[in-house]
Amino acid sequence: MEELKKEPVTVALIIINLLIFLAVDLGGDSLNTANMLQHGAAYTPFILEGGQYYRLFTSMFLHFGIQHFVNNMLVLFVLGQRMERVLGGWKFLVLYLVGGIGGNLVSLYMDTVTQEYAVSAGASGAVFAVMGAMIYVVLRRKGRVEDLTVKQIVFMAVVAVLLGLTDSGVDNAAHIGGMICGFLVGILLYHPRKIRKVEP
């Protein structure tokens, strides 16, 4: 119960994602593309030609199958708690949402460049945004945030990106875009207090 009080936003985001996943999966299978589209997954033609811009937001809370959901929530649980303690609840929520939407916008742009359209969904963009902000914070804090070092965070980020590049079903543009957006949002939101030394 103590952890819920310390990181309420992280816990709330995980619960919201869980409830939406259960509703979508039990209501028609989260691996069914048509069902995911019906519930708000991102699809560039629907967004640009149909004006359904809300999909840039709703797709952040949908997941293709239990493995996709669990992977994202585990990373959010590990990094989200630490990031929320650093930024505070409201700033962390802004980071998560802005970074996630930013990742989806990068994915949208890449779709228009490649003309290859796929239905996409997942909290990955937002999770990578948290990772990107964490990299910035670790750098500002001289290499460590709690028990995480800059080497560990960068290694985690590199592995995540490389795994995505080897899987044709992963929206790498949203991942990389989310990470970049998160790093930039981290610059805007994280302002460590300077300790002033008083001369005797």
C-alpha atoms as a PDB file:
ATOM      1  CA  MET A   1       0.000   0.000   0.000  1.00  0.00           C
ATOM      2  CA  GLU A   2       2.914   2.321   0.722  1.00  0.00           C
ATOM      3  CA  GLU A   3       4.161   1.955  -2.882  1.00  0.00           C
ATOM      4  CA  LEU A   4       0.745   2.983  -4.213  1.00  0.00           C
ATOM      5  CA  LYS A   5       1.035   6.260  -2.315  1.00  0.00           C
ATOM      6  CA  LYS A   6       4.567   6.930  -3.541  1.00  0.00           C
ATOM      7  CA  GLU A   7       3.991   6.274  -7.248  1.00  0.00           C
ATOM      8  CA  PRO A   8       0.210   6.651  -7.832  1.00  0.00           C
ATOM      9  CA  VAL A   9       0.512   7.689 -11.492  1.00  0.00           C
ATOM     10  CA  THR A  10       2.605   4.666 -12.482  1.00  0.00           C
ATOM     11  CA  VAL A  11       0.216   2.338 -10.666  1.00  0.00           C
ATOM     12  CA  ALA A  12      -2.829   4.062 -12.179  1.00  0.00           C
ATOM     13  CA  LEU A  13      -1.415   3.805 -15.715  1.00  0.00           C
ATOM     14  CA  ILE A  14      -0.736   0.092 -15.289  1.00  0.00           C
ATOM     15  CA  ILE A  15      -4.255  -0.495 -13.936  1.00  0.00           C
ATOM     16  CA  ILE A  16      -5.842   1.500 -16.774  1.00  0.00           C
ATOM     17  CA  ASN A  17      -3.840  -0.440 -19.356  1.00  0.00           C
ATOM     18  CA  LEU A  18      -4.822  -3.714 -17.677  1.00  0.00           C
ATOM     19  CA  LEU A  19      -8.542  -2.898 -17.583  1.00  0.00           C
ATOM     20  CA  ILE A  20      -8.536  -1.810 -21.228  1.00  0.00           C
ATOM     21  CA  PHE A  21      -6.587  -4.905 -22.267  1.00  0.00           C
ATOM     22  CA  LEU A  22      -9.067  -7.198 -20.489  1.00  0.00           C
ATOM     23  CA  ALA A  23     -12.053  -5.381 -21.970  1.00  0.00           C
ATOM     24  CA  VAL A  24     -10.688  -5.566 -25.515  1.00  0.00           C
ATOM     25  CA  ASP A  25      -9.388  -9.125 -25.243  1.00  0.00           C
ATOM     26  CA  LEU A  26     -12.481 -10.594 -23.620  1.00  0.00           C
ATOM     27  CA  GLY A  27     -14.736  -8.625 -25.942  1.00  0.00           C
ATOM     28  CA  GLY A  28     -13.256  -9.879 -29.193  1.00  0.00           C
ATOM     29  CA  ASP A  29      -9.583 -10.952 -28.985  1.00  0.00           C
ATOM     30  CA  SER A  30      -6.739  -8.447 -28.712  1.00  0.00           C
ATOM     31  CA  LEU A  31      -4.892 -10.250 -31.514  1.00  0.00           C
ATOM     32  CA  ASN A  32      -7.706  -9.538 -33.959  1.00  0.00           C
ATOM     33  CA  THR A  33      -6.738  -6.554 -36.130  1.00  0.00           C
ATOM     34  CA  ALA A  34     -10.335  -5.571 -36.924  1.00  0.00           C
ATOM     35  CA  ASN A  35     -11.220  -5.641 -33.229  1.00  0.00           C
ATOM     36  CA  MET A  36      -8.208  -3.502 -32.369  1.00  0.00           C
ATOM     37  CA  LEU A  37      -9.126  -0.984 -35.053  1.00  0.00           C
ATOM     38  CA  GLN A  38     -12.626  -0.810 -33.669  1.00  0.00           C
ATOM     39  CA  HIS A  39     -11.246   0.027 -30.246  1.00  0.00           C
ATOM     40  CA  GLY A  40      -8.897   2.788 -31.428  1.00  0.00           C
ATOM     41  CA  ALA A  41      -5.661   1.294 -32.768  1.00  0.00           C
ATOM     42  CA  ALA A  42      -3.591   3.592 -34.996  1.00  0.00           C
ATOM     43  CA  TYR A  43      -3.863   3.291 -38.768  1.00  0.00           C
ATOM     44  CA  THR A  44      -2.464   6.106 -40.898  1.00  0.00           C
ATOM     45  CA  PRO A  45      -5.206   6.204 -43.596  1.00  0.00           C
ATOM     46  CA  PHE A  46      -7.892   6.413 -40.892  1.00  0.00           C
ATOM     47  CA  ILE A  47      -5.992   9.182 -39.108  1.00  0.00           C
ATOM     48  CA  LEU A  48      -5.069  11.368 -42.083  1.00  0.00           C
ATOM     49  CA  GLU A  49      -7.884  10.672 -44.518  1.00  0.00           C
ATOM     50  CA  GLY A  50     -10.598   9.995 -41.988  1.00  0.00           C
ATOM     51  CA  GLY A  51      -9.565  12.706 -39.539  1.00  0.00           C
ATOM     52  CA  GLN A  52      -9.511  10.191 -36.664  1.00  0.00           C
ATOM     53  CA  TYR A  53      -6.682  11.890 -34.801  1.00  0.00           C
ATOM     54  CA  TYR A  54      -7.873  10.499 -31.475  1.00  0.00           C
ATOM     55  CA  ARG A  55      -6.184   7.237 -32.487  1.00  0.00           C
ATOM     56  CA  LEU A  56      -2.811   8.831 -31.738  1.00  0.00           C
ATOM     57  CA  PHE A  57      -3.956   8.795 -28.107  1.00  0.00           C
ATOM     58  CA  THR A  58      -6.189   5.731 -27.793  1.00  0.00           C
ATOM     59  CA  SER A  59      -3.659   3.412 -29.435  1.00  0.00           C
ATOM     60  CA  MET A  60      -1.314   4.034 -26.491  1.00  0.00           C
ATOM     61  CA  PHE A  61      -3.605   1.995 -24.241  1.00  0.00           C
ATOM     62  CA  LEU A  62      -4.125  -1.007 -26.519  1.00  0.00           C
ATOM     63  CA  HIS A  63      -1.959  -4.107 -26.828  1.00  0.00           C
ATOM     64  CA  PHE A  64      -1.738  -6.988 -29.277  1.00  0.00           C
ATOM     65  CA  GLY A  65      -1.894 -10.015 -26.990  1.00  0.00           C
ATOM     66  CA  ILE A  66      -0.831 -10.777 -23.433  1.00  0.00           C
ATOM     67  CA  GLN A  67       2.926 -10.901 -24.151  1.00  0.00           C
ATOM     68  CA  HIS A  68       2.879  -7.426 -25.696  1.00  0.00           C
ATOM     69  CA  PHE A  69       0.954  -6.120 -22.685  1.00  0.00           C
ATOM     70  CA  VAL A  70       3.143  -7.781 -20.049  1.00  0.00           C
ATOM     71  CA  ASN A  71       6.410  -6.673 -21.669  1.00  0.00           C
ATOM     72  CA  ASN A  72       5.357  -3.031 -21.740  1.00  0.00           C
ATOM     73  CA  MET A  73       3.926  -3.033 -18.220  1.00  0.00           C
ATOM     74  CA  LEU A  74       7.034  -4.651 -16.734  1.00  0.00           C
ATOM     75  CA  VAL A  75       9.286  -1.936 -18.167  1.00  0.00           C
ATOM     76  CA  LEU A  76       6.805   0.749 -17.097  1.00  0.00           C
ATOM     77  CA  PHE A  77       6.750  -0.700 -13.577  1.00  0.00           C
ATOM     78  CA  VAL A  78      10.550  -0.786 -13.297  1.00  0.00           C
ATOM     79  CA  LEU A  79      11.333   2.603 -14.852  1.00  0.00           C
ATOM     80  CA  GLY A  80       8.072   4.407 -14.147  1.00  0.00           C
ATOM     81  CA  GLN A  81       8.354   4.215 -10.379  1.00  0.00           C
ATOM     82  CA  ARG A  82      11.847   5.677 -10.389  1.00  0.00           C
ATOM     83  CA  MET A  83      10.985   8.352 -12.918  1.00  0.00           C
ATOM     84  CA  GLU A  84       7.864   9.381 -11.017  1.00  0.00           C
ATOM     85  CA  ARG A  85       9.863   9.762  -7.817  1.00  0.00           C
ATOM     86  CA  VAL A  86      12.294  12.025  -9.684  1.00  0.00           C
ATOM     87  CA  LEU A  87       9.770  14.199 -11.535  1.00  0.00           C
ATOM     88  CA  GLY A  88       6.690  13.999  -9.375  1.00  0.00           C
ATOM     89  CA  GLY A  89       3.311  12.643 -10.423  1.00  0.00           C
ATOM     90  CA  TRP A  90       1.988  15.348 -12.744  1.00  0.00           C
ATOM     91  CA  LYS A  91       5.241  15.855 -14.628  1.00  0.00           C
ATOM     92  CA  PHE A  92       5.610  12.115 -15.031  1.00  0.00           C
ATOM     93  CA  LEU A  93       2.090  11.901 -16.490  1.00  0.00           C
ATOM     94  CA  VAL A  94       2.935  14.700 -18.940  1.00  0.00           C
ATOM     95  CA  LEU A  95       6.120  12.854 -19.940  1.00  0.00           C
ATOM     96  CA  TYR A  96       4.221   9.605 -20.504  1.00  0.00           C
ATOM     97  CA  LEU A  97       1.407  11.107 -22.568  1.00  0.00           C
ATOM     98  CA  VAL A  98       3.433  13.635 -24.577  1.00  0.00           C
ATOM     99  CA  GLY A  99       6.194  11.106 -25.235  1.00  0.00           C
ATOM    100  CA  GLY A 100       3.698   8.457 -26.313  1.00  0.00           C
ATOM    101  CA  ILE A 101       1.837  10.776 -28.666  1.00  0.00           C
ATOM    102  CA  GLY A 102       5.159  12.085 -29.966  1.00  0.00           C
ATOM    103  CA  GLY A 103       6.256   8.545 -30.777  1.00  0.00           C
ATOM    104  CA  ASN A 104       2.984   7.930 -32.606  1.00  0.00           C
ATOM    105  CA  LEU A 105       3.450  11.135 -34.612  1.00  0.00           C
ATOM    106  CA  VAL A 106       6.921   9.993 -35.684  1.00  0.00           C
ATOM    107  CA  SER A 107       5.418   6.641 -36.694  1.00  0.00           C
ATOM    108  CA  LEU A 108       2.690   8.457 -38.626  1.00  0.00           C
ATOM    109  CA  TYR A 109       5.269  10.530 -40.464  1.00  0.00           C
ATOM    110  CA  MET A 110       7.351   7.476 -41.368  1.00  0.00           C
ATOM    111  CA  ASP A 111       4.229   5.779 -42.731  1.00  0.00           C
ATOM    112  CA  THR A 112       3.659   8.705 -45.066  1.00  0.00           C
ATOM    113  CA  VAL A 113       7.288   8.496 -46.216  1.00  0.00           C
ATOM    114  CA  THR A 114       7.369   4.745 -46.814  1.00  0.00           C
ATOM    115  CA  GLN A 115       3.720   4.430 -47.874  1.00  0.00           C
ATOM    116  CA  GLU A 116       3.646   1.179 -45.895  1.00  0.00           C
ATOM    117  CA  TYR A 117       0.639   1.181 -43.601  1.00  0.00           C
ATOM    118  CA  ALA A 118       0.121  -1.176 -40.682  1.00  0.00           C
ATOM    119  CA  VAL A 119      -2.257  -1.184 -37.742  1.00  0.00           C
ATOM    120  CA  SER A 120      -0.282  -0.303 -34.627  1.00  0.00           C
ATOM    121  CA  ALA A 121      -0.988  -0.104 -30.919  1.00  0.00           C
ATOM    122  CA  GLY A 122       0.809  -0.292 -27.609  1.00  0.00           C
ATOM    123  CA  ALA A 123       2.285   1.707 -24.772  1.00  0.00           C
ATOM    124  CA  SER A 124       5.762   1.188 -26.219  1.00  0.00           C
ATOM    125  CA  GLY A 125       6.155   4.771 -27.440  1.00  0.00           C
ATOM    126  CA  ALA A 126       5.272   6.116 -23.987  1.00  0.00           C
ATOM    127  CA  VAL A 127       7.467   3.532 -22.260  1.00  0.00           C
ATOM    128  CA  PHE A 128      10.392   4.414 -24.515  1.00  0.00           C
ATOM    129  CA  ALA A 129       9.731   8.068 -23.692  1.00  0.00           C
ATOM    130  CA  VAL A 130      10.197   7.248 -20.015  1.00  0.00           C
ATOM    131  CA  MET A 131      13.413   5.473 -20.968  1.00  0.00           C
ATOM    132  CA  GLY A 132      14.609   8.494 -22.959  1.00  0.00           C
ATOM    133  CA  ALA A 133      13.890  10.872 -20.087  1.00  0.00           C
ATOM    134  CA  MET A 134      15.638   8.501 -17.702  1.00  0.00           C
ATOM    135  CA  ILE A 135      18.773   8.653 -19.846  1.00  0.00           C
ATOM    136  CA  TYR A 136      18.748  12.458 -19.591  1.00  0.00           C
ATOM    137  CA  VAL A 137      18.149  12.425 -15.837  1.00  0.00           C
ATOM    138  CA  VAL A 138      20.904   9.875 -15.248  1.00  0.00           C
ATOM    139  CA  LEU A 139      23.316  12.028 -17.249  1.00  0.00           C
ATOM    140  CA  ARG A 140      22.361  15.106 -15.217  1.00  0.00           C
ATOM    141  CA  ARG A 141      22.771  13.172 -11.981  1.00  0.00           C
ATOM    142  CA  LYS A 142      26.335  12.177 -12.813  1.00  0.00           C
ATOM    143  CA  GLY A 143      25.590   8.638 -13.860  1.00  0.00           C
ATOM    144  CA  ARG A 144      22.960   7.249 -11.476  1.00  0.00           C
ATOM    145  CA  VAL A 145      19.296   7.368 -10.476  1.00  0.00           C
ATOM    146  CA  GLU A 146      18.733   5.328  -7.333  1.00  0.00           C
ATOM    147  CA  ASP A 147      20.032   1.829  -8.224  1.00  0.00           C
ATOM    148  CA  LEU A 148      20.253   2.431 -11.980  1.00  0.00           C
ATOM    149  CA  THR A 149      23.424   3.650 -13.693  1.00  0.00           C
ATOM    150  CA  VAL A 150      23.777   5.340 -17.062  1.00  0.00           C
ATOM    151  CA  LYS A 151      25.387   2.184 -18.473  1.00  0.00           C
ATOM    152  CA  GLN A 152      22.414   0.061 -17.403  1.00  0.00           C
ATOM    153  CA  ILE A 153      19.854   2.464 -18.869  1.00  0.00           C
ATOM    154  CA  VAL A 154      21.703   2.889 -22.162  1.00  0.00           C
ATOM    155  CA  PHE A 155      22.232  -0.887 -22.407  1.00  0.00           C
ATOM    156  CA  MET A 156      18.519  -1.445 -21.795  1.00  0.00           C
ATOM    157  CA  ALA A 157      17.615   1.124 -24.454  1.00  0.00           C
ATOM    158  CA  VAL A 158      20.033  -0.287 -27.049  1.00  0.00           C
ATOM    159  CA  VAL A 159      18.848  -3.854 -26.498  1.00  0.00           C
ATOM    160  CA  ALA A 160      15.196  -2.794 -26.740  1.00  0.00           C
ATOM    161  CA  VAL A 161      15.805  -0.941 -30.005  1.00  0.00           C
ATOM    162  CA  LEU A 162      17.861  -3.803 -31.496  1.00  0.00           C
ATOM    163  CA  LEU A 163      15.199  -6.355 -30.571  1.00  0.00           C
ATOM    164  CA  GLY A 164      12.642  -4.173 -32.298  1.00  0.00           C
ATOM    165  CA  LEU A 165      14.751  -3.906 -35.439  1.00  0.00           C
ATOM    166  CA  THR A 166      14.944  -7.698 -35.699  1.00  0.00           C
ATOM    167  CA  ASP A 167      11.162  -8.110 -35.454  1.00  0.00           C
ATOM    168  CA  SER A 168       9.157  -7.080 -38.517  1.00  0.00           C
ATOM    169  CA  GLY A 169       6.012  -6.719 -36.415  1.00  0.00           C
ATOM    170  CA  VAL A 170       7.394  -3.950 -34.196  1.00  0.00           C
ATOM    171  CA  ASP A 171       6.731  -0.237 -34.763  1.00  0.00           C
ATOM    172  CA  ASN A 172      10.350   0.899 -34.478  1.00  0.00           C
ATOM    173  CA  ALA A 173       9.526   4.453 -35.513  1.00  0.00           C
ATOM    174  CA  ALA A 174       7.243   4.805 -32.478  1.00  0.00           C
ATOM    175  CA  HIS A 175       9.926   3.309 -30.227  1.00  0.00           C
ATOM    176  CA  ILE A 176      12.771   5.531 -31.409  1.00  0.00           C
ATOM    177  CA  GLY A 177      10.490   8.542 -31.763  1.00  0.00           C
ATOM    178  CA  GLY A 178       9.166   8.018 -28.246  1.00  0.00           C
ATOM    179  CA  MET A 179      12.670   7.777 -26.833  1.00  0.00           C
ATOM    180  CA  ILE A 180      13.781  10.997 -28.536  1.00  0.00           C
ATOM    181  CA  CYS A 181      10.613  12.809 -27.451  1.00  0.00           C
ATOM    182  CA  GLY A 182      11.089  11.544 -23.910  1.00  0.00           C
ATOM    183  CA  PHE A 183      14.665  12.799 -23.815  1.00  0.00           C
ATOM    184  CA  LEU A 184      13.513  16.249 -25.000  1.00  0.00           C
ATOM    185  CA  VAL A 185      10.576  16.355 -22.582  1.00  0.00           C
ATOM    186  CA  GLY A 186      12.976  15.332 -19.830  1.00  0.00           C
ATOM    187  CA  ILE A 187      15.098  18.384 -20.624  1.00  0.00           C
ATOM    188  CA  LEU A 188      12.033  20.595 -20.260  1.00  0.00           C
ATOM    189  CA  LEU A 189      10.655  19.016 -17.092  1.00  0.00           C
ATOM    190  CA  TYR A 190      13.675  18.008 -15.037  1.00  0.00           C
ATOM    191  CA  HIS A 191      15.275  20.881 -13.168  1.00  0.00           C
ATOM    192  CA  PRO A 192      17.303  19.623 -10.201  1.00  0.00           C
ATOM    193  CA  ARG A 193      17.510  22.016  -7.330  1.00  0.00           C
ATOM    194  CA  LYS A 194      20.896  23.534  -6.750  1.00  0.00           C
ATOM    195  CA  ILE A 195      22.160  23.329  -3.191  1.00  0.00           C
ATOM    196  CA  ARG A 196      23.362  26.741  -2.058  1.00  0.00           C
ATOM    197  CA  LYS A 197      26.288  26.825   0.284  1.00  0.00           C
ATOM    198  CA  VAL A 198      26.114  29.519   2.933  1.00  0.00           C
ATOM    199  CA  GLU A 199      29.412  31.003   3.880  1.00  0.00           C
ATOM    200  CA  PRO A 200      30.044  31.091   7.628  1.00  0.00           C
END
